[in-house]
Amino acid sequence: MLSSILLQVATEAASLTGFGAALGAGLAAIAAGIGIGKIGGSAMDGIARQPDAASDIRTNMIIAAALIEGVALFAVVVCGFIL
């Protein structure tokens, strides 16, 4: 009796684990897109206000976008390992 209940709980937990991993990967991708979009928009605003600092702003924008993309890729890989 107890073993059948534990088996049923383990089966349900496995299906929820897959759902959670897929949800986490999707949220990581969406959050990265929003973050990179905000960085790009802010960089364009900064360049429009101070065109002389365009190269510095562009460099910082690329570094920040790469860091966000790296974190998002790490999150998606971890969610893939969970599956």
N, C-alpha and C. Protein backbone atom coordinates (compact mmCIF):
# COMPACT_ATOMS: atom_id res chain seq x y z
N MET A 1 0.82 -1.19 0.00
CA MET A 1 0.00 0.00 0.00
C MET A 1 0.86 1.25 0.00
N LEU A 2 1.81 1.32 0.93
CA LEU A 2 2.67 2.50 1.03
C LEU A 2 3.57 2.63 -0.18
N SER A 3 4.06 1.50 -0.69
CA SER A 3 4.94 1.56 -1.86
C SER A 3 4.20 2.04 -3.10
N SER A 4 2.94 1.67 -3.24
CA SER A 4 2.17 2.15 -4.39
C SER A 4 1.91 3.65 -4.30
N ILE A 5 1.69 4.16 -3.09
CA ILE A 5 1.49 5.60 -2.91
C ILE A 5 2.78 6.35 -3.23
N LEU A 6 3.92 5.82 -2.76
CA LEU A 6 5.19 6.46 -3.05
C LEU A 6 5.51 6.43 -4.54
N LEU A 7 5.19 5.35 -5.22
CA LEU A 7 5.40 5.26 -6.65
C LEU A 7 4.55 6.28 -7.40
N GLN A 8 3.30 6.44 -6.97
CA GLN A 8 2.42 7.42 -7.59
C GLN A 8 2.94 8.85 -7.38
N VAL A 9 3.40 9.16 -6.21
CA VAL A 9 3.95 10.50 -5.92
C VAL A 9 5.20 10.74 -6.75
N ALA A 10 6.05 9.74 -6.88
CA ALA A 10 7.28 9.90 -7.67
C ALA A 10 6.96 10.13 -9.13
N THR A 11 5.94 9.46 -9.66
CA THR A 11 5.54 9.65 -11.05
C THR A 11 5.00 11.05 -11.27
N GLU A 12 4.17 11.53 -10.35
CA GLU A 12 3.63 12.88 -10.48
C GLU A 12 4.72 13.92 -10.34
N ALA A 13 5.69 13.70 -9.48
CA ALA A 13 6.78 14.65 -9.29
C ALA A 13 7.65 14.71 -10.54
N ALA A 14 7.82 13.58 -11.22
CA ALA A 14 8.63 13.57 -12.44
C ALA A 14 7.96 14.40 -13.53
N SER A 15 6.65 14.33 -13.65
CA SER A 15 5.97 15.12 -14.66
C SER A 15 6.02 16.60 -14.31
N LEU A 16 5.95 16.93 -13.03
CA LEU A 16 6.05 18.33 -12.62
C LEU A 16 7.47 18.85 -12.79
N THR A 17 8.46 18.00 -12.67
CA THR A 17 9.84 18.41 -12.87
C THR A 17 10.05 18.84 -14.32
N GLY A 18 9.52 18.07 -15.25
CA GLY A 18 9.64 18.43 -16.66
C GLY A 18 8.93 19.74 -16.98
N PHE A 19 7.76 19.92 -16.40
CA PHE A 19 7.03 21.17 -16.60
C PHE A 19 7.79 22.34 -16.02
N GLY A 20 8.35 22.17 -14.84
CA GLY A 20 9.12 23.24 -14.20
C GLY A 20 10.37 23.59 -14.99
N ALA A 21 11.04 22.58 -15.53
CA ALA A 21 12.24 22.83 -16.32
C ALA A 21 11.91 23.58 -17.60
N ALA A 22 10.84 23.18 -18.26
CA ALA A 22 10.43 23.87 -19.49
C ALA A 22 9.99 25.30 -19.19
N LEU A 23 9.28 25.49 -18.11
CA LEU A 23 8.85 26.83 -17.72
C LEU A 23 10.06 27.70 -17.37
N GLY A 24 11.02 27.14 -16.66
CA GLY A 24 12.23 27.89 -16.32
C GLY A 24 13.03 28.29 -17.54
N ALA A 25 13.16 27.40 -18.52
CA ALA A 25 13.90 27.73 -19.74
C ALA A 25 13.19 28.84 -20.52
N GLY A 26 11.87 28.75 -20.59
CA GLY A 26 11.11 29.79 -21.28
C GLY A 26 11.22 31.14 -20.60
N LEU A 27 11.13 31.15 -19.28
CA LEU A 27 11.25 32.40 -18.54
C LEU A 27 12.64 32.99 -18.68
N ALA A 28 13.66 32.16 -18.70
CA ALA A 28 15.03 32.66 -18.87
C ALA A 28 15.20 33.31 -20.23
N ALA A 29 14.65 32.70 -21.26
CA ALA A 29 14.76 33.27 -22.61
C ALA A 29 14.00 34.58 -22.72
N ILE A 30 12.80 34.63 -22.15
CA ILE A 30 12.00 35.86 -22.20
C ILE A 30 12.69 36.97 -21.41
N ALA A 31 13.19 36.66 -20.23
CA ALA A 31 13.86 37.67 -19.41
C ALA A 31 15.12 38.20 -20.10
N ALA A 32 15.86 37.33 -20.77
CA ALA A 32 17.05 37.78 -21.49
C ALA A 32 16.67 38.71 -22.63
N GLY A 33 15.62 38.39 -23.34
CA GLY A 33 15.15 39.26 -24.42
C GLY A 33 14.73 40.63 -23.92
N ILE A 34 14.02 40.65 -22.81
CA ILE A 34 13.60 41.93 -22.23
C ILE A 34 14.82 42.72 -21.76
N GLY A 35 15.76 42.06 -21.09
CA GLY A 35 16.95 42.74 -20.60
C GLY A 35 17.80 43.33 -21.71
N ILE A 36 18.02 42.56 -22.76
CA ILE A 36 18.82 43.05 -23.88
C ILE A 36 18.08 44.18 -24.61
N GLY A 37 16.76 44.09 -24.69
CA GLY A 37 15.98 45.17 -25.30
C GLY A 37 16.10 46.46 -24.51
N LYS A 38 16.05 46.35 -23.20
CA LYS A 38 16.19 47.55 -22.37
C LYS A 38 17.59 48.15 -22.49
N ILE A 39 18.60 47.29 -22.54
CA ILE A 39 19.96 47.78 -22.71
C ILE A 39 20.11 48.51 -24.04
N GLY A 40 19.59 47.91 -25.09
CA GLY A 40 19.69 48.53 -26.42
C GLY A 40 18.96 49.86 -26.48
N GLY A 41 17.76 49.92 -25.90
CA GLY A 41 17.00 51.17 -25.90
C GLY A 41 17.70 52.26 -25.10
N SER A 42 18.22 51.90 -23.95
CA SER A 42 18.93 52.88 -23.13
C SER A 42 20.21 53.35 -23.81
N ALA A 43 20.88 52.43 -24.49
CA ALA A 43 22.10 52.82 -25.20
C ALA A 43 21.78 53.79 -26.33
N MET A 44 20.70 53.54 -27.05
CA MET A 44 20.32 54.45 -28.13
C MET A 44 19.94 55.83 -27.59
N ASP A 45 19.27 55.86 -26.45
CA ASP A 45 18.95 57.14 -25.81
C ASP A 45 20.23 57.87 -25.40
N GLY A 46 21.16 57.14 -24.83
CA GLY A 46 22.42 57.75 -24.41
C GLY A 46 23.23 58.28 -25.59
N ILE A 47 23.25 57.52 -26.67
CA ILE A 47 23.98 57.96 -27.86
C ILE A 47 23.30 59.18 -28.47
N ALA A 48 21.97 59.22 -28.44
CA ALA A 48 21.25 60.37 -28.98
C ALA A 48 21.53 61.63 -28.16
N ARG A 49 21.71 61.47 -26.87
CA ARG A 49 21.97 62.63 -26.01
C ARG A 49 23.43 63.07 -26.08
N GLN A 50 24.34 62.11 -26.18
CA GLN A 50 25.77 62.45 -26.23
C GLN A 50 26.44 61.65 -27.35
N PRO A 51 26.37 62.15 -28.57
CA PRO A 51 26.96 61.41 -29.70
C PRO A 51 28.48 61.22 -29.57
N ASP A 52 29.14 62.08 -28.82
CA ASP A 52 30.59 61.94 -28.67
C ASP A 52 30.98 60.69 -27.88
N ALA A 53 30.09 60.23 -27.02
CA ALA A 53 30.39 59.06 -26.19
C ALA A 53 29.84 57.77 -26.79
N ALA A 54 29.56 57.79 -28.08
CA ALA A 54 28.92 56.63 -28.71
C ALA A 54 29.78 55.37 -28.62
N SER A 55 31.08 55.49 -28.80
CA SER A 55 31.93 54.29 -28.78
C SER A 55 31.99 53.67 -27.38
N ASP A 56 32.06 54.51 -26.35
CA ASP A 56 32.07 53.99 -24.97
C ASP A 56 30.73 53.34 -24.62
N ILE A 57 29.65 53.99 -25.01
CA ILE A 57 28.31 53.44 -24.72
C ILE A 57 28.11 52.12 -25.44
N ARG A 58 28.54 52.06 -26.70
CA ARG A 58 28.38 50.84 -27.49
C ARG A 58 29.18 49.69 -26.88
N THR A 59 30.40 49.98 -26.43
CA THR A 59 31.23 48.95 -25.82
C THR A 59 30.59 48.40 -24.55
N ASN A 60 30.11 49.31 -23.70
CA ASN A 60 29.46 48.87 -22.47
C ASN A 60 28.16 48.11 -22.76
N MET A 61 27.44 48.52 -23.80
CA MET A 61 26.20 47.83 -24.17
C MET A 61 26.50 46.40 -24.61
N ILE A 62 27.52 46.22 -25.39
CA ILE A 62 27.86 44.88 -25.88
C ILE A 62 28.30 43.98 -24.74
N ILE A 63 29.08 44.53 -23.81
CA ILE A 63 29.53 43.73 -22.66
C ILE A 63 28.34 43.32 -21.80
N ALA A 64 27.43 44.26 -21.52
CA ALA A 64 26.26 43.95 -20.69
C ALA A 64 25.35 42.94 -21.39
N ALA A 65 25.16 43.09 -22.70
CA ALA A 65 24.32 42.14 -23.44
C ALA A 65 24.94 40.75 -23.44
N ALA A 66 26.25 40.67 -23.55
CA ALA A 66 26.93 39.36 -23.52
C ALA A 66 26.78 38.69 -22.16
N LEU A 67 26.88 39.49 -21.10
CA LEU A 67 26.71 38.91 -19.76
C LEU A 67 25.29 38.40 -19.55
N ILE A 68 24.30 39.16 -20.00
CA ILE A 68 22.91 38.72 -19.87
C ILE A 68 22.68 37.45 -20.70
N GLU A 69 23.22 37.42 -21.89
CA GLU A 69 23.05 36.25 -22.75
C GLU A 69 23.72 35.02 -22.14
N GLY A 70 24.87 35.22 -21.50
CA GLY A 70 25.55 34.11 -20.85
C GLY A 70 24.76 33.54 -19.70
N VAL A 71 24.17 34.41 -18.90
CA VAL A 71 23.35 33.94 -17.78
C VAL A 71 22.12 33.21 -18.30
N ALA A 72 21.51 33.73 -19.36
CA ALA A 72 20.33 33.07 -19.92
C ALA A 72 20.69 31.69 -20.49
N LEU A 73 21.82 31.61 -21.17
CA LEU A 73 22.25 30.32 -21.71
C LEU A 73 22.52 29.33 -20.60
N PHE A 74 23.16 29.80 -19.53
CA PHE A 74 23.41 28.93 -18.37
C PHE A 74 22.10 28.42 -17.79
N ALA A 75 21.10 29.31 -17.66
CA ALA A 75 19.80 28.90 -17.12
C ALA A 75 19.11 27.87 -18.00
N VAL A 76 19.18 28.06 -19.31
CA VAL A 76 18.56 27.11 -20.23
C VAL A 76 19.27 25.76 -20.18
N VAL A 77 20.59 25.77 -20.07
CA VAL A 77 21.35 24.51 -19.98
C VAL A 77 21.01 23.77 -18.69
N VAL A 78 20.92 24.49 -17.59
CA VAL A 78 20.56 23.85 -16.31
C VAL A 78 19.15 23.25 -16.41
N CYS A 79 18.23 23.97 -17.01
CA CYS A 79 16.87 23.43 -17.19
C CYS A 79 16.88 22.22 -18.11
N GLY A 80 17.76 22.23 -19.10
CA GLY A 80 17.88 21.06 -19.97
C GLY A 80 18.42 19.85 -19.23
N PHE A 81 19.36 20.07 -18.33
CA PHE A 81 19.88 18.96 -17.53
C PHE A 81 18.82 18.40 -16.60
N ILE A 82 17.93 19.25 -16.13
CA ILE A 82 16.86 18.79 -15.25
C ILE A 82 15.93 17.83 -15.99
N LEU A 83 15.70 18.13 -17.28
CA LEU A 83 14.84 17.25 -18.07
C LEU A 83 15.50 15.91 -18.25
